[in-house]
Amino acid sequence: MKINWGTGMVLALIGFIAFIMFFVIKMSVDDTYQHDLVTEDYYQQELKVEGNMAREQKGNKLAQNVRVTQSEEGILISFPDSLNASEISGNVILYRPSNKKFDFEVPISLTTQNMLIPEDKLLGGRWNLIIDWEYNGNAYRFKKEIRY
């Protein structure tokens, strides 16, 4: 049987469509290819944006804001030296944009001005660090994108 150019073009087009449909279905069904929203409660988080911005501005107005440095042991978070470390409370949230399975949260419990996030909890790559903390009834927020 001889195939002319018209039949060949139709067969090539059908093959291409089948190829694309295979990958679309595979990406939609397979759990290893997650494509979720940033957070599960995205819309509730969006309503809190103004309050978060106000807390960030309040932190920036401090004489010394939170400092974040990377070391071989992990990520070292240093709170302002002028504050009493035992009165600082809150949470440190490490958010991994590429995979939400690696996100984690650590409560702030200080005896000195420094807090260490151990290296064994961190994978190499991009992290969004969010520190929500309180001191003497005032709420502060610190955000930073880091690559570890």
Protein backbone atom coordinates (compact mmCIF):
# COMPACT_ATOMS: atom_id res chain seq x y z
CA MET A 1 0.00 0.00 0.00
CA LYS A 2 1.33 3.38 -0.98
CA ILE A 3 0.79 6.41 1.31
CA ASN A 4 0.47 9.78 -0.37
CA TRP A 5 1.52 13.08 1.23
CA GLY A 6 -2.01 13.95 2.45
CA THR A 7 -2.36 10.67 4.34
CA GLY A 8 1.14 11.12 5.79
CA MET A 9 0.27 14.60 7.08
CA VAL A 10 -2.93 13.33 8.72
CA LEU A 11 -1.05 10.44 10.35
CA ALA A 12 1.68 12.81 11.58
CA LEU A 13 -0.93 15.19 13.01
CA ILE A 14 -2.76 12.34 14.77
CA GLY A 15 0.55 11.10 16.17
CA PHE A 16 1.44 14.57 17.47
CA ILE A 17 -1.96 15.04 19.10
CA ALA A 18 -1.70 11.60 20.74
CA PHE A 19 1.78 12.48 22.02
CA ILE A 20 0.58 15.77 23.58
CA MET A 21 -2.55 14.17 25.06
CA PHE A 22 -0.43 11.45 26.69
CA PHE A 23 1.64 14.04 28.56
CA VAL A 24 -1.37 16.18 29.51
CA ILE A 25 -3.13 13.17 31.02
CA LYS A 26 0.06 11.96 32.72
CA MET A 27 0.67 15.38 34.33
CA SER A 28 -2.95 15.63 35.51
CA VAL A 29 -3.19 12.17 37.03
CA ASP A 30 0.28 11.49 38.44
CA ASP A 31 0.78 12.65 42.06
CA THR A 32 4.48 13.33 41.58
CA TYR A 33 3.64 16.36 39.44
CA GLN A 34 1.90 18.60 41.98
CA HIS A 35 0.65 21.97 40.75
CA ASP A 36 -1.28 23.32 43.70
CA LEU A 37 -1.81 26.85 44.96
CA VAL A 38 0.91 28.30 47.14
CA THR A 39 -1.04 27.51 50.31
CA GLU A 40 -4.22 25.58 50.97
CA ASP A 41 -5.95 28.62 52.48
CA TYR A 42 -4.75 31.08 49.84
CA TYR A 43 -7.78 33.37 49.97
CA GLN A 44 -7.74 33.68 53.76
CA GLN A 45 -4.04 34.51 53.62
CA GLU A 46 -4.70 37.17 50.99
CA LEU A 47 -7.12 38.93 53.36
CA LYS A 48 -4.30 39.30 55.93
CA VAL A 49 -1.90 41.09 53.56
CA GLU A 50 -2.40 44.60 54.96
CA GLY A 51 -1.79 43.45 58.54
CA ASN A 52 1.33 41.58 57.46
CA MET A 53 2.67 44.65 55.68
CA ALA A 54 2.07 46.80 58.76
CA ARG A 55 3.98 44.30 60.93
CA GLU A 56 6.87 44.27 58.43
CA GLN A 57 7.05 48.07 58.47
CA LYS A 58 7.02 48.05 62.26
CA GLY A 59 9.98 45.65 62.23
CA ASN A 60 11.85 47.84 59.75
CA LYS A 61 11.42 50.84 62.08
CA LEU A 62 13.31 49.07 64.87
CA ALA A 63 16.83 50.33 65.51
CA GLN A 64 18.04 46.84 64.63
CA ASN A 65 15.86 44.33 62.77
CA VAL A 66 16.15 40.56 62.64
CA ARG A 67 19.31 39.36 60.90
CA VAL A 68 19.61 36.08 59.00
CA THR A 69 22.96 34.50 58.17
CA GLN A 70 23.82 31.15 56.63
CA SER A 71 26.48 28.90 58.06
CA GLU A 72 27.60 25.30 57.74
CA GLU A 73 25.44 24.42 60.77
CA GLY A 74 22.28 25.87 59.19
CA ILE A 75 20.48 29.21 59.20
CA LEU A 76 21.24 31.52 62.13
CA ILE A 77 18.49 33.98 63.05
CA SER A 78 19.60 36.86 65.30
CA PHE A 79 17.02 39.02 67.02
CA PRO A 80 17.74 42.63 68.06
CA ASP A 81 20.28 42.90 70.88
CA SER A 82 18.28 45.58 72.70
CA LEU A 83 15.36 43.18 73.39
CA ASN A 84 15.02 40.66 76.21
CA ALA A 85 15.31 37.30 74.45
CA SER A 86 13.08 35.41 76.89
CA GLU A 87 10.13 37.71 76.09
CA ILE A 88 10.26 37.11 72.32
CA SER A 89 7.69 34.61 71.05
CA GLY A 90 6.31 33.56 67.69
CA ASN A 91 7.03 31.21 64.81
CA VAL A 92 9.63 30.77 62.09
CA ILE A 93 8.10 29.44 58.87
CA LEU A 94 10.27 27.99 56.13
CA TYR A 95 8.34 27.65 52.92
CA ARG A 96 9.69 25.75 49.92
CA PRO A 97 8.04 27.10 46.72
CA SER A 98 9.01 24.06 44.65
CA ASN A 99 7.46 21.43 46.95
CA LYS A 100 5.09 22.02 49.86
CA LYS A 101 6.03 18.67 51.41
CA PHE A 102 9.24 20.25 52.72
CA ASP A 103 7.56 23.27 54.39
CA PHE A 104 7.93 23.41 58.16
CA GLU A 105 7.35 25.70 61.10
CA VAL A 106 9.46 26.14 64.24
CA PRO A 107 8.25 27.93 67.38
CA ILE A 108 10.52 30.64 68.75
CA SER A 109 11.94 29.75 72.15
CA LEU A 110 15.03 31.78 73.01
CA THR A 111 17.55 31.96 75.82
CA THR A 112 19.97 34.10 73.80
CA GLN A 113 19.37 36.47 70.90
CA ASN A 114 20.16 33.72 68.37
CA MET A 115 18.14 30.82 66.98
CA LEU A 116 19.56 28.12 64.71
CA ILE A 117 17.60 26.20 62.08
CA PRO A 118 19.70 23.03 61.73
CA GLU A 119 21.23 22.13 58.38
CA ASP A 120 19.69 18.65 58.40
CA LYS A 121 16.17 20.15 58.05
CA LEU A 122 17.13 22.13 54.95
CA LEU A 123 17.51 21.01 51.37
CA GLY A 124 19.59 22.90 48.89
CA GLY A 125 17.61 25.43 46.89
CA ARG A 126 15.24 28.35 47.38
CA TRP A 127 13.39 28.92 50.67
CA ASN A 128 11.08 31.71 51.75
CA LEU A 129 11.76 32.54 55.39
CA ILE A 130 8.95 34.21 57.35
CA ILE A 131 9.40 35.15 61.00
CA ASP A 132 6.23 36.20 62.81
CA TRP A 133 7.24 37.35 66.28
CA GLU A 134 5.94 39.35 69.23
CA TYR A 135 7.63 41.40 71.90
CA ASN A 136 5.79 43.27 74.68
CA GLY A 137 2.44 42.93 72.89
CA ASN A 138 3.79 44.34 69.60
CA ALA A 139 3.66 42.07 66.55
CA TYR A 140 6.46 42.08 64.00
CA ARG A 141 7.15 40.22 60.78
CA PHE A 142 10.34 39.56 58.84
CA LYS A 143 10.50 38.02 55.35
CA LYS A 144 13.45 37.00 53.29
CA GLU A 145 14.09 34.76 50.31
CA ILE A 146 17.19 32.64 50.78
CA ARG A 147 19.05 30.05 48.76
CA TYR A 148 20.63 27.37 50.87
